[in-house]
Amino acid sequence: MKTGMLRISPGFDDIMPSEYRELVDNGPYGQGYAIKDLGSFKELLEEHPLCAGCGLALALRLTLASLPAPEDTVVVGSTGCSALAFPQVALHNIHSLFGNQNAVATGLKRALRLRFPDKVKDVVVIAGDGAIADIGLDMVMQSWLRRENLTTIMLDNEAYANTGGQESGMSVQGAVLNMAPKGKNFPKLSLPEIAQASGCAYVASVSPAKPKQLSKAVRRAILVARDTGPTYVQIYSPCPTNYKINSKETISYIKWREREGLYKTTELISQQAQAFLDTIEEKS
């Protein structure tokens, strides 16, 4: 992909909002930025439509700042809160029907491999728990079982936050939500274990409370997907609106969940993926 494709047409330059012009002029393309550079470039419009204190918005920013090659990355998203933010990012992205994101990503990855046989093009699925663990679980697992070279990243806010706060498979047992007033009756789905059992070469669960750990997991997942097979990263992204968290206390809430063992960060790596990571990380 040529970065010139992202430039504003001369006929529209004078009417485009200044925030968008800055997104184009000061985006992450070809600069080798990493998470330590967050704030020195622009990856997401400040006035995005997500709620104040949204854990998903922070997780998305950290993820975008961790991509190994943003200029050669296409994100495939799906219906949910994250879909509201993708039009605001400096990145090629596709919005798929709810739950179809891994099927769309599979076709895209194969097409890019044929179109650009001598260049790596990363295809990364970024979607919520409804799209990945519930409605789209079939598409997701089939892409893992076929060993597609994709990275799937779940922004896990433990609810269908975009449609009123219904419980999802990722909501914890007993969680009281707007449409689960008596609390959820069954445990949270252990998708990292399912991902590993389904053939993912690299699996991690992380949170925005530990940005460096999150960044390392995202980069590792994308690099392993290039060489070894499918990868999965789960990012805890709590929803202040539906879980009634003070918007200023999102990170404190995440740290409390981790401290109490209510959200566990983990990393599961196959032998082949570990050997690959050892090789590239030793070089770097």
C-alpha atoms as a PDB file:
ATOM      1  CA  MET A   1       0.000   0.000   0.000  1.00  0.00           C
ATOM      2  CA  LYS A   2       1.258   3.457  -0.846  1.00  0.00           C
ATOM      3  CA  THR A   3       0.999   6.039   1.896  1.00  0.00           C
ATOM      4  CA  GLY A   4       0.047   8.561  -0.773  1.00  0.00           C
ATOM      5  CA  MET A   5      -3.367   6.896  -0.850  1.00  0.00           C
ATOM      6  CA  LEU A   6      -4.036   8.469   2.537  1.00  0.00           C
ATOM      7  CA  ARG A   7      -3.507  12.039   1.383  1.00  0.00           C
ATOM      8  CA  ILE A   8      -6.465  14.377   1.219  1.00  0.00           C
ATOM      9  CA  SER A   9      -7.690  15.198  -2.272  1.00  0.00           C
ATOM     10  CA  PRO A  10      -6.675  18.776  -3.136  1.00  0.00           C
ATOM     11  CA  GLY A  11     -10.274  19.645  -3.779  1.00  0.00           C
ATOM     12  CA  PHE A  12     -11.226  18.848  -0.187  1.00  0.00           C
ATOM     13  CA  ASP A  13      -8.165  20.034   1.720  1.00  0.00           C
ATOM     14  CA  ASP A  14      -9.626  23.413   2.691  1.00  0.00           C
ATOM     15  CA  ILE A  15     -12.844  21.963   4.130  1.00  0.00           C
ATOM     16  CA  MET A  16     -11.437  18.994   6.045  1.00  0.00           C
ATOM     17  CA  PRO A  17     -11.312  19.437   9.841  1.00  0.00           C
ATOM     18  CA  SER A  18      -7.905  20.400  11.209  1.00  0.00           C
ATOM     19  CA  GLU A  19      -7.900  17.262  13.390  1.00  0.00           C
ATOM     20  CA  TYR A  20      -8.135  15.078  10.305  1.00  0.00           C
ATOM     21  CA  ARG A  21      -5.450  17.015   8.450  1.00  0.00           C
ATOM     22  CA  GLU A  22      -3.178  16.522  11.445  1.00  0.00           C
ATOM     23  CA  LEU A  23      -4.007  12.803  11.461  1.00  0.00           C
ATOM     24  CA  VAL A  24      -2.831  12.559   7.856  1.00  0.00           C
ATOM     25  CA  ASP A  25       0.237  14.772   8.262  1.00  0.00           C
ATOM     26  CA  ASN A  26       1.388  13.377  11.600  1.00  0.00           C
ATOM     27  CA  GLY A  27       0.333   9.719  11.377  1.00  0.00           C
ATOM     28  CA  PRO A  28       2.471   6.679  12.208  1.00  0.00           C
ATOM     29  CA  TYR A  29       3.350   5.596   8.664  1.00  0.00           C
ATOM     30  CA  GLY A  30       6.933   4.613   7.998  1.00  0.00           C
ATOM     31  CA  GLN A  31       8.266   6.288  11.134  1.00  0.00           C
ATOM     32  CA  GLY A  32       9.086   3.235  13.222  1.00  0.00           C
ATOM     33  CA  TYR A  33       7.083   4.537  16.156  1.00  0.00           C
ATOM     34  CA  ALA A  34       6.493   2.383  19.230  1.00  0.00           C
ATOM     35  CA  ILE A  35       4.480   2.707  22.404  1.00  0.00           C
ATOM     36  CA  LYS A  36       7.196   4.845  24.012  1.00  0.00           C
ATOM     37  CA  ASP A  37       6.474   7.446  21.322  1.00  0.00           C
ATOM     38  CA  LEU A  38       2.764   7.676  22.153  1.00  0.00           C
ATOM     39  CA  GLY A  39       1.853  11.351  22.232  1.00  0.00           C
ATOM     40  CA  SER A  40       4.485  12.398  19.696  1.00  0.00           C
ATOM     41  CA  PHE A  41       2.354  11.308  16.744  1.00  0.00           C
ATOM     42  CA  LYS A  42      -1.346  11.016  16.032  1.00  0.00           C
ATOM     43  CA  GLU A  43      -3.066   7.635  15.812  1.00  0.00           C
ATOM     44  CA  LEU A  44      -6.633   8.560  16.819  1.00  0.00           C
ATOM     45  CA  LEU A  45      -8.681  11.756  16.701  1.00  0.00           C
ATOM     46  CA  GLU A  46      -9.013  13.336  20.131  1.00  0.00           C
ATOM     47  CA  GLU A  47     -12.735  13.922  19.707  1.00  0.00           C
ATOM     48  CA  HIS A  48     -13.567  10.294  19.013  1.00  0.00           C
ATOM     49  CA  PRO A  49     -17.120   9.243  19.898  1.00  0.00           C
ATOM     50  CA  LEU A  50     -16.316   6.751  22.678  1.00  0.00           C
ATOM     51  CA  CYS A  51     -17.305   7.440  26.278  1.00  0.00           C
ATOM     52  CA  ALA A  52     -15.080   9.303  28.732  1.00  0.00           C
ATOM     53  CA  GLY A  53     -12.759   6.893  30.489  1.00  0.00           C
ATOM     54  CA  CYS A  54     -13.452   4.132  27.965  1.00  0.00           C
ATOM     55  CA  GLY A  55     -10.998   1.266  28.497  1.00  0.00           C
ATOM     56  CA  LEU A  56     -11.518   0.260  24.882  1.00  0.00           C
ATOM     57  CA  ALA A  57     -10.348   3.658  23.588  1.00  0.00           C
ATOM     58  CA  LEU A  58      -7.154   3.431  25.627  1.00  0.00           C
ATOM     59  CA  ALA A  59      -6.552  -0.180  24.598  1.00  0.00           C
ATOM     60  CA  LEU A  60      -7.054   0.788  20.955  1.00  0.00           C
ATOM     61  CA  ARG A  61      -4.557   3.661  21.181  1.00  0.00           C
ATOM     62  CA  LEU A  62      -1.951   1.408  22.784  1.00  0.00           C
ATOM     63  CA  THR A  63      -2.573  -1.275  20.169  1.00  0.00           C
ATOM     64  CA  LEU A  64      -2.218   1.135  17.251  1.00  0.00           C
ATOM     65  CA  ALA A  65       1.032   2.451  18.731  1.00  0.00           C
ATOM     66  CA  SER A  66       2.385  -1.113  18.920  1.00  0.00           C
ATOM     67  CA  LEU A  67       1.925  -2.242  15.311  1.00  0.00           C
ATOM     68  CA  PRO A  68       5.231  -3.347  13.750  1.00  0.00           C
ATOM     69  CA  ALA A  69       4.353  -1.867  10.330  1.00  0.00           C
ATOM     70  CA  PRO A  70       1.238   0.353  10.365  1.00  0.00           C
ATOM     71  CA  GLU A  71       1.783   1.392   6.749  1.00  0.00           C
ATOM     72  CA  ASP A  72       1.448  -2.267   5.730  1.00  0.00           C
ATOM     73  CA  THR A  73      -1.363  -3.193   8.123  1.00  0.00           C
ATOM     74  CA  VAL A  74      -5.078  -3.562   7.484  1.00  0.00           C
ATOM     75  CA  VAL A  75      -7.405  -3.833  10.466  1.00  0.00           C
ATOM     76  CA  VAL A  76     -10.657  -5.736  10.085  1.00  0.00           C
ATOM     77  CA  GLY A  77     -13.237  -4.671  12.642  1.00  0.00           C
ATOM     78  CA  SER A  78     -16.831  -5.494  13.385  1.00  0.00           C
ATOM     79  CA  THR A  79     -19.992  -4.054  14.876  1.00  0.00           C
ATOM     80  CA  GLY A  80     -19.508  -2.695  18.393  1.00  0.00           C
ATOM     81  CA  CYS A  81     -18.052   0.275  20.238  1.00  0.00           C
ATOM     82  CA  SER A  82     -14.724  -0.113  18.437  1.00  0.00           C
ATOM     83  CA  ALA A  83     -16.502   0.356  15.094  1.00  0.00           C
ATOM     84  CA  LEU A  84     -17.308   3.916  16.172  1.00  0.00           C
ATOM     85  CA  ALA A  85     -13.610   4.699  16.552  1.00  0.00           C
ATOM     86  CA  PHE A  86     -12.155   3.121  13.417  1.00  0.00           C
ATOM     87  CA  PRO A  87     -13.224   5.980  11.112  1.00  0.00           C
ATOM     88  CA  GLN A  88     -11.103   8.185  13.398  1.00  0.00           C
ATOM     89  CA  VAL A  89      -7.799   6.272  13.078  1.00  0.00           C
ATOM     90  CA  ALA A  90      -4.796   6.704  10.778  1.00  0.00           C
ATOM     91  CA  LEU A  91      -4.904   3.167   9.441  1.00  0.00           C
ATOM     92  CA  HIS A  92      -6.409   1.124   6.633  1.00  0.00           C
ATOM     93  CA  ASN A  93      -9.466  -0.572   8.096  1.00  0.00           C
ATOM     94  CA  ILE A  94     -12.508  -2.549   7.030  1.00  0.00           C
ATOM     95  CA  HIS A  95     -15.839  -2.781   8.838  1.00  0.00           C
ATOM     96  CA  SER A  96     -17.364  -6.255   8.505  1.00  0.00           C
ATOM     97  CA  LEU A  97     -20.786  -7.575   9.382  1.00  0.00           C
ATOM     98  CA  PHE A  98     -21.174  -8.582  13.022  1.00  0.00           C
ATOM     99  CA  GLY A  99     -19.175 -11.753  13.633  1.00  0.00           C
ATOM    100  CA  ASN A 100     -17.831 -12.114  10.080  1.00  0.00           C
ATOM    101  CA  GLN A 101     -14.549 -10.338  10.744  1.00  0.00           C
ATOM    102  CA  ASN A 102     -12.253 -13.398  10.706  1.00  0.00           C
ATOM    103  CA  ALA A 103     -13.808 -14.703   7.484  1.00  0.00           C
ATOM    104  CA  VAL A 104     -13.302 -11.304   5.840  1.00  0.00           C
ATOM    105  CA  ALA A 105      -9.762 -11.120   7.226  1.00  0.00           C
ATOM    106  CA  THR A 106      -8.991 -14.577   5.840  1.00  0.00           C
ATOM    107  CA  GLY A 107      -9.976 -13.600   2.309  1.00  0.00           C
ATOM    108  CA  LEU A 108      -8.113 -10.303   2.594  1.00  0.00           C
ATOM    109  CA  LYS A 109      -4.912 -11.939   3.854  1.00  0.00           C
ATOM    110  CA  ARG A 110      -4.948 -14.470   1.024  1.00  0.00           C
ATOM    111  CA  ALA A 111      -5.618 -11.760  -1.560  1.00  0.00           C
ATOM    112  CA  LEU A 112      -2.796  -9.571  -0.257  1.00  0.00           C
ATOM    113  CA  ARG A 113      -0.417 -12.520  -0.327  1.00  0.00           C
ATOM    114  CA  LEU A 114      -1.215 -13.012  -4.026  1.00  0.00           C
ATOM    115  CA  ARG A 115      -1.128  -9.304  -4.837  1.00  0.00           C
ATOM    116  CA  PHE A 116       2.107  -8.607  -2.929  1.00  0.00           C
ATOM    117  CA  PRO A 117       4.065 -11.904  -2.971  1.00  0.00           C
ATOM    118  CA  ASP A 118       7.348 -10.219  -2.032  1.00  0.00           C
ATOM    119  CA  LYS A 119       6.078  -8.015   0.788  1.00  0.00           C
ATOM    120  CA  VAL A 120       4.525  -8.760   4.169  1.00  0.00           C
ATOM    121  CA  LYS A 121       1.058  -7.338   4.702  1.00  0.00           C
ATOM    122  CA  ASP A 122      -0.312  -7.736   8.225  1.00  0.00           C
ATOM    123  CA  VAL A 123      -4.033  -8.363   8.624  1.00  0.00           C
ATOM    124  CA  VAL A 124      -5.212  -7.795  12.186  1.00  0.00           C
ATOM    125  CA  VAL A 125      -8.722  -8.405  13.489  1.00  0.00           C
ATOM    126  CA  ILE A 126      -9.694  -5.970  16.248  1.00  0.00           C
ATOM    127  CA  ALA A 127     -13.180  -6.392  17.676  1.00  0.00           C
ATOM    128  CA  GLY A 128     -15.127  -6.702  20.896  1.00  0.00           C
ATOM    129  CA  ASP A 129     -16.115  -9.733  22.917  1.00  0.00           C
ATOM    130  CA  GLY A 130     -19.543  -9.964  21.270  1.00  0.00           C
ATOM    131  CA  ALA A 131     -18.041 -10.193  17.785  1.00  0.00           C
ATOM    132  CA  ILE A 132     -15.239 -12.567  18.749  1.00  0.00           C
ATOM    133  CA  ALA A 133     -16.439 -14.747  21.625  1.00  0.00           C
ATOM    134  CA  ASP A 134     -20.179 -14.897  20.959  1.00  0.00           C
ATOM    135  CA  ILE A 135     -21.698 -14.075  17.588  1.00  0.00           C
ATOM    136  CA  GLY A 136     -18.469 -14.571  15.640  1.00  0.00           C
ATOM    137  CA  LEU A 137     -16.934 -17.466  17.574  1.00  0.00           C
ATOM    138  CA  ASP A 138     -17.557 -19.931  14.730  1.00  0.00           C
ATOM    139  CA  MET A 139     -15.734 -17.726  12.176  1.00  0.00           C
ATOM    140  CA  VAL A 140     -12.951 -17.037  14.661  1.00  0.00           C
ATOM    141  CA  MET A 141     -12.340 -20.671  15.571  1.00  0.00           C
ATOM    142  CA  GLN A 142     -12.499 -21.818  11.955  1.00  0.00           C
ATOM    143  CA  SER A 143      -9.746 -19.347  11.048  1.00  0.00           C
ATOM    144  CA  TRP A 144      -7.666 -20.733  13.918  1.00  0.00           C
ATOM    145  CA  LEU A 145      -8.327 -24.348  12.938  1.00  0.00           C
ATOM    146  CA  ARG A 146      -7.317 -23.590   9.335  1.00  0.00           C
ATOM    147  CA  ARG A 147      -4.098 -22.009  10.677  1.00  0.00           C
ATOM    148  CA  GLU A 148      -4.701 -18.703   8.915  1.00  0.00           C
ATOM    149  CA  ASN A 149      -1.863 -16.197   9.357  1.00  0.00           C
ATOM    150  CA  LEU A 150      -3.986 -13.655  11.219  1.00  0.00           C
ATOM    151  CA  THR A 151      -3.802 -11.883  14.544  1.00  0.00           C
ATOM    152  CA  THR A 152      -7.104 -11.629  16.405  1.00  0.00           C
ATOM    153  CA  ILE A 153      -7.280  -8.967  19.121  1.00  0.00           C
ATOM    154  CA  MET A 154     -10.283  -8.852  21.430  1.00  0.00           C
ATOM    155  CA  LEU A 155     -11.127  -5.593  23.182  1.00  0.00           C
ATOM    156  CA  ASP A 156     -12.800  -7.281  26.134  1.00  0.00           C
ATOM    157  CA  ASN A 157     -15.224  -4.955  27.880  1.00  0.00           C
ATOM    158  CA  GLU A 158     -17.226  -7.905  29.225  1.00  0.00           C
ATOM    159  CA  ALA A 159     -20.537  -6.724  27.772  1.00  0.00           C
ATOM    160  CA  TYR A 160     -22.478  -5.712  24.689  1.00  0.00           C
ATOM    161  CA  ALA A 161     -21.720  -2.139  25.628  1.00  0.00           C
ATOM    162  CA  ASN A 162     -22.756  -0.519  22.350  1.00  0.00           C
ATOM    163  CA  THR A 163     -26.348  -1.754  22.559  1.00  0.00           C
ATOM    164  CA  GLY A 164     -27.285  -1.121  26.171  1.00  0.00           C
ATOM    165  CA  GLY A 165     -25.188  -3.332  28.401  1.00  0.00           C
ATOM    166  CA  GLN A 166     -26.368  -6.875  27.757  1.00  0.00           C
ATOM    167  CA  GLU A 167     -24.250  -9.674  29.211  1.00  0.00           C
ATOM    168  CA  SER A 168     -21.841 -11.442  26.883  1.00  0.00           C
ATOM    169  CA  GLY A 169     -19.993 -14.728  27.114  1.00  0.00           C
ATOM    170  CA  MET A 170     -17.069 -12.726  28.480  1.00  0.00           C
ATOM    171  CA  SER A 171     -19.048 -11.139  31.324  1.00  0.00           C
ATOM    172  CA  VAL A 172     -17.994 -12.586  34.669  1.00  0.00           C
ATOM    173  CA  GLN A 173     -20.404 -14.736  36.638  1.00  0.00           C
ATOM    174  CA  GLY A 174     -22.653 -12.614  38.829  1.00  0.00           C
ATOM    175  CA  ALA A 175     -22.081  -9.406  36.850  1.00  0.00           C
ATOM    176  CA  VAL A 176     -25.083  -7.106  37.129  1.00  0.00           C
ATOM    177  CA  LEU A 177     -25.711  -5.188  33.926  1.00  0.00           C
ATOM    178  CA  ASN A 178     -28.536  -3.083  32.532  1.00  0.00           C
ATOM    179  CA  MET A 179     -30.002  -6.135  30.816  1.00  0.00           C
ATOM    180  CA  ALA A 180     -28.810  -8.686  33.358  1.00  0.00           C
ATOM    181  CA  PRO A 181     -30.395  -7.227  36.512  1.00  0.00           C
ATOM    182  CA  LYS A 182     -30.129 -10.466  38.517  1.00  0.00           C
ATOM    183  CA  GLY A 183     -26.526 -11.098  37.531  1.00  0.00           C
ATOM    184  CA  LYS A 184     -25.015 -13.436  34.985  1.00  0.00           C
ATOM    185  CA  ASN A 185     -25.596 -17.128  35.691  1.00  0.00           C
ATOM    186  CA  PHE A 186     -22.502 -18.749  34.187  1.00  0.00           C
ATOM    187  CA  PRO A 187     -18.724 -18.141  34.226  1.00  0.00           C
ATOM    188  CA  LYS A 188     -16.683 -16.030  31.848  1.00  0.00           C
ATOM    189  CA  LEU A 189     -15.598 -17.878  28.728  1.00  0.00           C
ATOM    190  CA  SER A 190     -11.915 -18.864  28.880  1.00  0.00           C
ATOM    191  CA  LEU A 191     -11.065 -17.847  25.342  1.00  0.00           C
ATOM    192  CA  PRO A 192      -7.257 -17.910  25.760  1.00  0.00           C
ATOM    193  CA  GLU A 193      -7.454 -21.641  26.504  1.00  0.00           C
ATOM    194  CA  ILE A 194      -9.815 -22.165  23.579  1.00  0.00           C
ATOM    195  CA  ALA A 195      -7.448 -20.237  21.308  1.00  0.00           C
ATOM    196  CA  GLN A 196      -4.485 -22.356  22.357  1.00  0.00           C
ATOM    197  CA  ALA A 197      -6.434 -25.592  21.915  1.00  0.00           C
ATOM    198  CA  SER A 198      -7.628 -24.405  18.490  1.00  0.00           C
ATOM    199  CA  GLY A 199      -4.114 -23.974  17.156  1.00  0.00           C
ATOM    200  CA  CYS A 200      -3.048 -20.422  17.991  1.00  0.00           C
ATOM    201  CA  ALA A 201       0.743 -20.292  18.107  1.00  0.00           C
ATOM    202  CA  TYR A 202       0.764 -17.284  20.429  1.00  0.00           C
ATOM    203  CA  VAL A 203      -1.877 -16.320  22.998  1.00  0.00           C
ATOM    204  CA  ALA A 204      -1.812 -13.490  25.525  1.00  0.00           C
ATOM    205  CA  SER A 205      -4.218 -11.746  27.876  1.00  0.00           C
ATOM    206  CA  VAL A 206      -3.156  -8.238  28.863  1.00  0.00           C
ATOM    207  CA  SER A 207      -4.555  -4.883  30.000  1.00  0.00           C
ATOM    208  CA  PRO A 208      -3.935  -1.148  29.444  1.00  0.00           C
ATOM    209  CA  ALA A 209      -2.731  -0.918  33.057  1.00  0.00           C
ATOM    210  CA  LYS A 210       0.560  -2.434  31.845  1.00  0.00           C
ATOM    211  CA  PRO A 211       1.256  -0.651  28.540  1.00  0.00           C
ATOM    212  CA  LYS A 212       4.677  -2.196  27.889  1.00  0.00           C
ATOM    213  CA  GLN A 213       3.331  -5.714  28.440  1.00  0.00           C
ATOM    214  CA  LEU A 214       0.385  -4.954  26.137  1.00  0.00           C
ATOM    215  CA  SER A 215       2.668  -3.545  23.458  1.00  0.00           C
ATOM    216  CA  LYS A 216       5.008  -6.524  23.613  1.00  0.00           C
ATOM    217  CA  ALA A 217       2.085  -8.946  23.297  1.00  0.00           C
ATOM    218  CA  VAL A 218       0.613  -7.140  20.289  1.00  0.00           C
ATOM    219  CA  ARG A 219       3.943  -6.961  18.471  1.00  0.00           C
ATOM    220  CA  ARG A 220       4.783 -10.588  19.251  1.00  0.00           C
ATOM    221  CA  ALA A 221       1.362 -11.742  18.090  1.00  0.00           C
ATOM    222  CA  ILE A 222       1.631  -9.955  14.745  1.00  0.00           C
ATOM    223  CA  LEU A 223       5.189 -11.133  14.107  1.00  0.00           C
ATOM    224  CA  VAL A 224       4.343 -14.756  14.972  1.00  0.00           C
ATOM    225  CA  ALA A 225       1.280 -14.603  12.705  1.00  0.00           C
ATOM    226  CA  ARG A 226       3.563 -13.719   9.791  1.00  0.00           C
ATOM    227  CA  ASP A 227       5.689 -16.817  10.257  1.00  0.00           C
ATOM    228  CA  THR A 228       3.995 -19.503  12.300  1.00  0.00           C
ATOM    229  CA  GLY A 229       0.209 -19.326  12.374  1.00  0.00           C
ATOM    230  CA  PRO A 230      -2.800 -17.658  14.000  1.00  0.00           C
ATOM    231  CA  THR A 231      -2.378 -15.629  17.171  1.00  0.00           C
ATOM    232  CA  TYR A 232      -4.760 -14.197  19.764  1.00  0.00           C
ATOM    233  CA  VAL A 233      -4.490 -11.274  22.187  1.00  0.00           C
ATOM    234  CA  GLN A 234      -7.197 -10.458  24.735  1.00  0.00           C
ATOM    235  CA  ILE A 235      -7.139  -6.920  26.162  1.00  0.00           C
ATOM    236  CA  TYR A 236      -9.263  -6.124  29.197  1.00  0.00           C
ATOM    237  CA  SER A 237     -11.066  -2.896  28.315  1.00  0.00           C
ATOM    238  CA  PRO A 238     -13.673  -2.110  30.993  1.00  0.00           C
ATOM    239  CA  CYS A 239     -16.737  -0.053  30.150  1.00  0.00           C
ATOM    240  CA  PRO A 240     -17.327   2.784  32.662  1.00  0.00           C
ATOM    241  CA  THR A 241     -20.803   3.479  31.303  1.00  0.00           C
ATOM    242  CA  ASN A 242     -22.338   0.039  31.755  1.00  0.00           C
ATOM    243  CA  TYR A 243     -20.266  -1.055  34.748  1.00  0.00           C
ATOM    244  CA  LYS A 244     -20.803   2.268  36.545  1.00  0.00           C
ATOM    245  CA  ILE A 245     -17.098   3.036  36.951  1.00  0.00           C
ATOM    246  CA  ASN A 246     -15.980   6.623  37.502  1.00  0.00           C
ATOM    247  CA  SER A 247     -14.437   7.714  34.203  1.00  0.00           C
ATOM    248  CA  LYS A 248     -11.300   8.871  36.037  1.00  0.00           C
ATOM    249  CA  GLU A 249     -10.790   5.510  37.702  1.00  0.00           C
ATOM    250  CA  THR A 250     -10.668   3.082  34.778  1.00  0.00           C
ATOM    251  CA  ILE A 251      -6.993   2.210  35.220  1.00  0.00           C
ATOM    252  CA  SER A 252      -7.380   1.937  39.014  1.00  0.00           C
ATOM    253  CA  TYR A 253     -10.296  -0.429  38.453  1.00  0.00           C
ATOM    254  CA  ILE A 254      -8.208  -2.577  36.086  1.00  0.00           C
ATOM    255  CA  LYS A 255      -5.374  -2.745  38.625  1.00  0.00           C
ATOM    256  CA  TRP A 256      -7.829  -3.747  41.335  1.00  0.00           C
ATOM    257  CA  ARG A 257      -9.225  -6.551  39.169  1.00  0.00           C
ATOM    258  CA  GLU A 258      -5.712  -7.806  38.460  1.00  0.00           C
ATOM    259  CA  ARG A 259      -4.636  -7.523  42.095  1.00  0.00           C
ATOM    260  CA  GLU A 260      -7.645  -9.540  43.263  1.00  0.00           C
ATOM    261  CA  GLY A 261      -7.034 -12.216  40.626  1.00  0.00           C
ATOM    262  CA  LEU A 262     -10.275 -11.328  38.838  1.00  0.00           C
ATOM    263  CA  TYR A 263      -8.457 -10.698  35.556  1.00  0.00           C
ATOM    264  CA  LYS A 264      -5.287 -12.645  34.926  1.00  0.00           C
ATOM    265  CA  THR A 265      -2.629 -11.661  32.436  1.00  0.00           C
ATOM    266  CA  THR A 266      -0.949 -14.585  30.739  1.00  0.00           C
ATOM    267  CA  GLU A 267       1.178 -15.613  27.770  1.00  0.00           C
ATOM    268  CA  LEU A 268       0.972 -19.001  26.037  1.00  0.00           C
ATOM    269  CA  ILE A 269       3.548 -19.692  23.311  1.00  0.00           C
ATOM    270  CA  SER A 270       4.026 -22.773  21.163  1.00  0.00           C
ATOM    271  CA  GLN A 271       7.529 -24.211  20.800  1.00  0.00           C
ATOM    272  CA  GLN A 272       7.728 -23.175  17.165  1.00  0.00           C
ATOM    273  CA  ALA A 273       6.600 -19.633  17.955  1.00  0.00           C
ATOM    274  CA  GLN A 274       9.057 -19.376  20.848  1.00  0.00           C
ATOM    275  CA  ALA A 275      11.930 -20.456  18.619  1.00  0.00           C
ATOM    276  CA  PHE A 276      10.913 -17.823  16.065  1.00  0.00           C
ATOM    277  CA  LEU A 277      10.640 -15.098  18.721  1.00  0.00           C
ATOM    278  CA  ASP A 278      14.018 -16.041  20.196  1.00  0.00           C
ATOM    279  CA  THR A 279      15.592 -15.600  16.768  1.00  0.00           C
ATOM    280  CA  ILE A 280      14.087 -12.217  15.893  1.00  0.00           C
ATOM    281  CA  GLU A 281      14.305 -10.736  19.388  1.00  0.00           C
ATOM    282  CA  GLU A 282      17.947 -11.732  19.683  1.00  0.00           C
ATOM    283  CA  LYS A 283      18.671  -9.891  16.433  1.00  0.00           C
ATOM    284  CA  SER A 284      16.835  -6.774  17.594  1.00  0.00           C
END
